[in-house]
Amino acid sequence: MTRVIRKIRKAFTRTPEAGFTWTVEDFNRAKNWAKSEDDPDNPSRSLWDRVYSPRKDSVDILHELNMFLDK
């Protein structure tokens, strides 16, 4: 079921053309984008599930997502 939701999200979410900056708007865009992408190592999870942890700072999360954009 989560894969279906992820595919629907992907239809409405644009792939960013440039890296994310350190603003609230970019964090929300990054979050929406990461929830629509598959984890490269485990396709049953989203990229957001891989990157997000309540213990991490938002800057660290954005940095990791930017590394995935560069690949």
Protein backbone atom coordinates (compact mmCIF):
# COMPACT_ATOMS: atom_id res chain seq x y z
CA MET A 1 0.00 0.00 0.00
CA THR A 2 2.83 2.40 0.76
CA ARG A 3 4.27 1.91 -2.73
CA VAL A 4 0.94 2.98 -4.24
CA ILE A 5 0.87 6.09 -2.08
CA ARG A 6 4.48 6.83 -3.05
CA LYS A 7 3.64 6.54 -6.76
CA ILE A 8 0.71 8.94 -6.35
CA ARG A 9 2.95 11.40 -4.50
CA LYS A 10 5.56 11.10 -7.25
CA ALA A 11 2.98 12.12 -9.85
CA PHE A 12 2.39 15.41 -8.03
CA THR A 13 5.93 16.16 -6.85
CA ARG A 14 8.54 17.74 -9.08
CA THR A 15 12.12 16.53 -9.03
CA PRO A 16 14.28 19.45 -7.86
CA GLU A 17 16.62 20.90 -10.44
CA ALA A 18 19.04 22.36 -7.90
CA GLY A 19 20.09 21.46 -4.38
CA PHE A 20 18.07 22.42 -1.36
CA THR A 21 19.03 25.49 0.65
CA TRP A 22 18.63 25.97 4.37
CA THR A 23 15.14 27.48 4.46
CA VAL A 24 11.86 26.19 5.86
CA GLU A 25 10.28 26.16 2.41
CA ASP A 26 13.13 24.09 0.99
CA PHE A 27 12.94 21.70 3.93
CA ASN A 28 9.25 21.12 3.23
CA ARG A 29 9.95 20.66 -0.50
CA ALA A 30 12.76 18.23 0.32
CA LYS A 31 10.50 16.31 2.68
CA ASN A 32 7.75 15.99 0.07
CA TRP A 33 10.25 14.94 -2.60
CA ALA A 34 11.96 12.39 -0.33
CA LYS A 35 8.62 10.84 0.62
CA SER A 36 7.94 10.21 -3.06
CA GLU A 37 11.31 8.56 -3.80
CA ASP A 38 12.34 4.95 -3.12
CA ASP A 39 15.27 4.14 -0.87
CA PRO A 40 18.06 2.87 -3.18
CA ASP A 41 19.00 0.07 -0.77
CA ASN A 42 15.50 -0.98 0.31
CA PRO A 43 12.69 -0.17 -2.19
CA SER A 44 10.01 -0.94 0.38
CA ARG A 45 10.98 2.23 2.27
CA SER A 46 10.96 5.82 1.15
CA LEU A 47 14.06 7.97 1.01
CA TRP A 48 12.59 10.05 3.84
CA ASP A 49 12.42 6.96 6.06
CA ARG A 50 16.11 6.40 5.42
CA VAL A 51 17.27 9.96 6.06
CA TYR A 52 14.96 11.27 8.78
CA SER A 53 15.65 10.81 12.46
CA PRO A 54 14.25 13.01 15.26
CA ARG A 55 17.76 13.26 16.67
CA LYS A 56 19.21 14.80 13.51
CA ASP A 57 19.27 18.49 12.82
CA SER A 58 17.40 19.73 9.74
CA VAL A 59 20.69 20.90 8.21
CA ASP A 60 22.05 17.35 8.35
CA ILE A 61 18.88 15.97 6.76
CA LEU A 62 19.03 18.51 3.94
CA HIS A 63 22.71 17.75 3.40
CA GLU A 64 22.00 14.03 3.01
CA LEU A 65 19.13 14.71 0.60
CA ASN A 66 21.39 16.99 -1.45
CA MET A 67 23.89 14.13 -1.70
CA PHE A 68 21.14 11.94 -3.19
CA LEU A 69 20.28 14.70 -5.68
CA ASP A 70 23.89 14.84 -6.91
CA LYS A 71 23.97 11.12 -7.73
